[in-house]
Amino acid sequence: MSTNPLSKILTLLLFTAFISACAGIQSSRDIVEGVNFELIDSDTAAITNVYLHRSANGMNLHGELQRKSKARGPIPGHLHVSLLDSQGKLIKSADVDYKRHNKQSNHSHFSISLPIKMESGSSIQITHASSERNDLEDHLKWIDATKH
């Protein structure tokens, strides 16, 4: 084996890329297919990179919120998440908070556990509301639409 430091670095980088690719393949197997996303942006932010995956505890929804302007800092507002059956009937809904990656970032991320298993043909509607909600708690409060 070569003792060239550049060769060692290149070998380490290739090995790291291979391990990362394998990890990506494993996680892509857990991505849920067949569930539709309806993303409703506000005037100030766009919802992006949304995906749903299976976990040991059910299904988790992930995504990002990107500020439409180049300004940095917190994006005001919250997300309203609605879970709809395959006929478009509302099953459950919740208001969700999101977090910035860091203080200099102009985008935020969200990650929530869903209270039900989403079937193929069902939909998840995510709406960004620019208004602040100071009463959002760390534990989501899902509203059951079937009981109203």
C-alpha atoms as a PDB file:
ATOM      1  CA  MET A   1       0.000   0.000   0.000  1.00  0.00           C
ATOM      2  CA  SER A   2       1.191   3.493  -0.803  1.00  0.00           C
ATOM      3  CA  THR A   3       2.542   5.693   1.974  1.00  0.00           C
ATOM      4  CA  ASN A   4       1.600   8.824   0.045  1.00  0.00           C
ATOM      5  CA  PRO A   5      -0.573  11.023   2.373  1.00  0.00           C
ATOM      6  CA  LEU A   6      -2.759  12.090  -0.565  1.00  0.00           C
ATOM      7  CA  SER A   7      -3.460   8.439  -1.377  1.00  0.00           C
ATOM      8  CA  LYS A   8      -4.487   7.760   2.240  1.00  0.00           C
ATOM      9  CA  ILE A   9      -6.805  10.767   2.246  1.00  0.00           C
ATOM     10  CA  LEU A  10      -8.381   9.717  -1.057  1.00  0.00           C
ATOM     11  CA  THR A  11      -8.923   6.173   0.245  1.00  0.00           C
ATOM     12  CA  LEU A  12     -10.535   7.516   3.422  1.00  0.00           C
ATOM     13  CA  LEU A  13     -12.815   9.827   1.407  1.00  0.00           C
ATOM     14  CA  LEU A  14     -13.920   6.993  -0.898  1.00  0.00           C
ATOM     15  CA  PHE A  15     -14.617   4.742   2.091  1.00  0.00           C
ATOM     16  CA  THR A  16     -16.635   7.510   3.790  1.00  0.00           C
ATOM     17  CA  ALA A  17     -18.642   8.111   0.593  1.00  0.00           C
ATOM     18  CA  PHE A  18     -19.381   4.380   0.307  1.00  0.00           C
ATOM     19  CA  ILE A  19     -20.590   4.156   3.927  1.00  0.00           C
ATOM     20  CA  SER A  20     -22.742   7.287   3.466  1.00  0.00           C
ATOM     21  CA  ALA A  21     -24.293   5.856   0.298  1.00  0.00           C
ATOM     22  CA  CYS A  22     -25.123   2.604   2.100  1.00  0.00           C
ATOM     23  CA  ALA A  23     -26.774   4.529   4.925  1.00  0.00           C
ATOM     24  CA  GLY A  24     -28.809   6.502   2.364  1.00  0.00           C
ATOM     25  CA  ILE A  25     -29.994   3.305   0.687  1.00  0.00           C
ATOM     26  CA  GLN A  26     -31.203   1.910   4.015  1.00  0.00           C
ATOM     27  CA  SER A  27     -33.134   5.048   4.919  1.00  0.00           C
ATOM     28  CA  SER A  28     -34.677   5.314   1.443  1.00  0.00           C
ATOM     29  CA  ARG A  29     -36.298   1.901   1.993  1.00  0.00           C
ATOM     30  CA  ASP A  30     -38.269   3.425   4.858  1.00  0.00           C
ATOM     31  CA  ILE A  31     -39.691   6.293   2.768  1.00  0.00           C
ATOM     32  CA  VAL A  32     -43.476   5.981   2.474  1.00  0.00           C
ATOM     33  CA  GLU A  33     -44.743   6.027  -1.116  1.00  0.00           C
ATOM     34  CA  GLY A  34     -48.312   6.691  -2.242  1.00  0.00           C
ATOM     35  CA  VAL A  35     -49.154   9.459   0.242  1.00  0.00           C
ATOM     36  CA  ASN A  36     -49.760  12.828  -1.410  1.00  0.00           C
ATOM     37  CA  PHE A  37     -48.460  16.142  -0.082  1.00  0.00           C
ATOM     38  CA  GLU A  38     -50.290  19.423  -0.556  1.00  0.00           C
ATOM     39  CA  LEU A  39     -47.946  22.253   0.403  1.00  0.00           C
ATOM     40  CA  ILE A  40     -49.480  25.685   0.904  1.00  0.00           C
ATOM     41  CA  ASP A  41     -46.864  28.421   1.214  1.00  0.00           C
ATOM     42  CA  SER A  42     -47.372  31.831   2.781  1.00  0.00           C
ATOM     43  CA  ASP A  43     -46.208  35.161   1.378  1.00  0.00           C
ATOM     44  CA  THR A  44     -43.070  34.931   3.527  1.00  0.00           C
ATOM     45  CA  ALA A  45     -41.991  31.269   3.361  1.00  0.00           C
ATOM     46  CA  ALA A  46     -42.108  28.136   1.200  1.00  0.00           C
ATOM     47  CA  ILE A  47     -42.436  24.549   2.444  1.00  0.00           C
ATOM     48  CA  THR A  48     -39.803  22.278   0.841  1.00  0.00           C
ATOM     49  CA  ASN A  49     -38.124  18.856   1.040  1.00  0.00           C
ATOM     50  CA  VAL A  50     -41.125  17.124   2.621  1.00  0.00           C
ATOM     51  CA  TYR A  51     -41.043  13.368   3.101  1.00  0.00           C
ATOM     52  CA  LEU A  52     -42.723  10.708   5.201  1.00  0.00           C
ATOM     53  CA  HIS A  53     -40.921   7.660   6.544  1.00  0.00           C
ATOM     54  CA  ARG A  54     -41.669   4.639   8.680  1.00  0.00           C
ATOM     55  CA  SER A  55     -40.080   4.321  12.083  1.00  0.00           C
ATOM     56  CA  ALA A  56     -40.324   1.873  14.963  1.00  0.00           C
ATOM     57  CA  ASN A  57     -43.109   4.045  16.436  1.00  0.00           C
ATOM     58  CA  GLY A  58     -45.177   4.581  13.250  1.00  0.00           C
ATOM     59  CA  MET A  59     -44.683   7.333  10.677  1.00  0.00           C
ATOM     60  CA  ASN A  60     -42.676  10.534  10.870  1.00  0.00           C
ATOM     61  CA  LEU A  61     -43.131  13.629   8.719  1.00  0.00           C
ATOM     62  CA  HIS A  62     -40.105  15.801   7.927  1.00  0.00           C
ATOM     63  CA  GLY A  63     -39.531  18.935   5.904  1.00  0.00           C
ATOM     64  CA  GLU A  64     -38.107  22.412   5.703  1.00  0.00           C
ATOM     65  CA  LEU A  65     -39.417  25.928   5.593  1.00  0.00           C
ATOM     66  CA  GLN A  66     -37.447  28.339   3.396  1.00  0.00           C
ATOM     67  CA  ARG A  67     -37.726  32.107   3.786  1.00  0.00           C
ATOM     68  CA  LYS A  68     -38.688  33.702   0.453  1.00  0.00           C
ATOM     69  CA  SER A  69     -36.528  36.770   1.076  1.00  0.00           C
ATOM     70  CA  LYS A  70     -32.752  36.640   1.528  1.00  0.00           C
ATOM     71  CA  ALA A  71     -33.062  37.941   5.115  1.00  0.00           C
ATOM     72  CA  ARG A  72     -31.810  35.793   7.965  1.00  0.00           C
ATOM     73  CA  GLY A  73     -33.376  35.170  11.339  1.00  0.00           C
ATOM     74  CA  PRO A  74     -36.458  33.383  12.601  1.00  0.00           C
ATOM     75  CA  ILE A  75     -39.360  32.773  10.247  1.00  0.00           C
ATOM     76  CA  PRO A  76     -42.507  33.992  11.991  1.00  0.00           C
ATOM     77  CA  GLY A  77     -45.524  31.737  12.144  1.00  0.00           C
ATOM     78  CA  HIS A  78     -46.372  28.054  12.447  1.00  0.00           C
ATOM     79  CA  LEU A  79     -47.448  25.114  10.300  1.00  0.00           C
ATOM     80  CA  HIS A  80     -50.943  23.674  10.197  1.00  0.00           C
ATOM     81  CA  VAL A  81     -50.852  19.958   9.318  1.00  0.00           C
ATOM     82  CA  SER A  82     -54.018  18.167   8.158  1.00  0.00           C
ATOM     83  CA  LEU A  83     -54.251  14.413   7.624  1.00  0.00           C
ATOM     84  CA  LEU A  84     -56.807  13.498   4.941  1.00  0.00           C
ATOM     85  CA  ASP A  85     -58.152  10.098   3.887  1.00  0.00           C
ATOM     86  CA  SER A  86     -58.180   8.962   0.244  1.00  0.00           C
ATOM     87  CA  GLN A  87     -61.548  10.730  -0.312  1.00  0.00           C
ATOM     88  CA  GLY A  88     -60.136  14.022   0.995  1.00  0.00           C
ATOM     89  CA  LYS A  89     -62.007  13.865   4.317  1.00  0.00           C
ATOM     90  CA  LEU A  90     -60.171  15.430   7.257  1.00  0.00           C
ATOM     91  CA  ILE A  91     -59.119  12.847   9.862  1.00  0.00           C
ATOM     92  CA  LYS A  92     -56.822  14.799  12.217  1.00  0.00           C
ATOM     93  CA  SER A  93     -55.057  18.153  12.327  1.00  0.00           C
ATOM     94  CA  ALA A  94     -52.488  19.952  14.456  1.00  0.00           C
ATOM     95  CA  ASP A  95     -50.540  23.197  14.609  1.00  0.00           C
ATOM     96  CA  VAL A  96     -46.816  22.555  14.524  1.00  0.00           C
ATOM     97  CA  ASP A  97     -43.791  24.651  15.394  1.00  0.00           C
ATOM     98  CA  TYR A  98     -40.474  24.493  13.518  1.00  0.00           C
ATOM     99  CA  LYS A  99     -36.859  25.149  14.447  1.00  0.00           C
ATOM    100  CA  ARG A 100     -33.991  26.963  12.744  1.00  0.00           C
ATOM    101  CA  HIS A 101     -30.816  25.005  11.963  1.00  0.00           C
ATOM    102  CA  ASN A 102     -28.783  27.819  13.519  1.00  0.00           C
ATOM    103  CA  LYS A 103     -29.143  31.526  14.291  1.00  0.00           C
ATOM    104  CA  GLN A 104     -27.696  32.597  10.927  1.00  0.00           C
ATOM    105  CA  SER A 105     -29.979  30.355   8.878  1.00  0.00           C
ATOM    106  CA  ASN A 106     -32.752  31.586   6.592  1.00  0.00           C
ATOM    107  CA  HIS A 107     -34.602  28.246   6.765  1.00  0.00           C
ATOM    108  CA  SER A 108     -36.080  26.009   9.436  1.00  0.00           C
ATOM    109  CA  HIS A 109     -36.920  22.333   9.748  1.00  0.00           C
ATOM    110  CA  PHE A 110     -39.784  20.332  11.212  1.00  0.00           C
ATOM    111  CA  SER A 111     -40.091  16.716  12.239  1.00  0.00           C
ATOM    112  CA  ILE A 112     -43.237  15.231  13.774  1.00  0.00           C
ATOM    113  CA  SER A 113     -44.649  11.808  14.571  1.00  0.00           C
ATOM    114  CA  LEU A 114     -48.044  11.145  13.055  1.00  0.00           C
ATOM    115  CA  PRO A 115     -50.804   9.766  15.312  1.00  0.00           C
ATOM    116  CA  ILE A 116     -52.075   7.374  12.605  1.00  0.00           C
ATOM    117  CA  LYS A 117     -50.729   5.285   9.764  1.00  0.00           C
ATOM    118  CA  MET A 118     -51.296   7.014   6.427  1.00  0.00           C
ATOM    119  CA  GLU A 119     -52.676   4.699   3.739  1.00  0.00           C
ATOM    120  CA  SER A 120     -51.824   4.814   0.052  1.00  0.00           C
ATOM    121  CA  GLY A 121     -53.950   7.477  -1.662  1.00  0.00           C
ATOM    122  CA  SER A 122     -54.311   9.580   1.493  1.00  0.00           C
ATOM    123  CA  SER A 123     -52.938  13.111   1.730  1.00  0.00           C
ATOM    124  CA  ILE A 124     -51.071  15.367   4.100  1.00  0.00           C
ATOM    125  CA  GLN A 125     -51.800  19.077   3.744  1.00  0.00           C
ATOM    126  CA  ILE A 126     -49.188  21.414   5.221  1.00  0.00           C
ATOM    127  CA  THR A 127     -49.973  25.128   5.410  1.00  0.00           C
ATOM    128  CA  HIS A 128     -47.598  27.846   6.572  1.00  0.00           C
ATOM    129  CA  ALA A 129     -49.432  30.499   8.585  1.00  0.00           C
ATOM    130  CA  SER A 130     -47.487  33.719   9.103  1.00  0.00           C
ATOM    131  CA  SER A 131     -49.230  34.441  12.399  1.00  0.00           C
ATOM    132  CA  GLU A 132     -47.420  33.518  15.596  1.00  0.00           C
ATOM    133  CA  ARG A 133     -48.829  30.929  17.993  1.00  0.00           C
ATOM    134  CA  ASN A 134     -47.368  31.367  21.470  1.00  0.00           C
ATOM    135  CA  ASP A 135     -49.454  28.516  22.870  1.00  0.00           C
ATOM    136  CA  LEU A 136     -47.767  25.717  20.882  1.00  0.00           C
ATOM    137  CA  GLU A 137     -46.332  23.080  23.190  1.00  0.00           C
ATOM    138  CA  ASP A 138     -43.506  20.607  22.675  1.00  0.00           C
ATOM    139  CA  HIS A 139     -46.068  17.792  22.649  1.00  0.00           C
ATOM    140  CA  LEU A 140     -48.423  18.044  19.655  1.00  0.00           C
ATOM    141  CA  LYS A 141     -52.144  18.267  20.259  1.00  0.00           C
ATOM    142  CA  TRP A 142     -53.865  16.454  17.404  1.00  0.00           C
ATOM    143  CA  ILE A 143     -57.515  17.369  16.909  1.00  0.00           C
ATOM    144  CA  ASP A 144     -59.648  14.387  15.890  1.00  0.00           C
ATOM    145  CA  ALA A 145     -61.985  15.633  13.135  1.00  0.00           C
ATOM    146  CA  THR A 146     -64.128  12.484  13.296  1.00  0.00           C
ATOM    147  CA  LYS A 147     -65.373  13.466  16.790  1.00  0.00           C
ATOM    148  CA  HIS A 148     -66.630  16.935  15.787  1.00  0.00           C
END
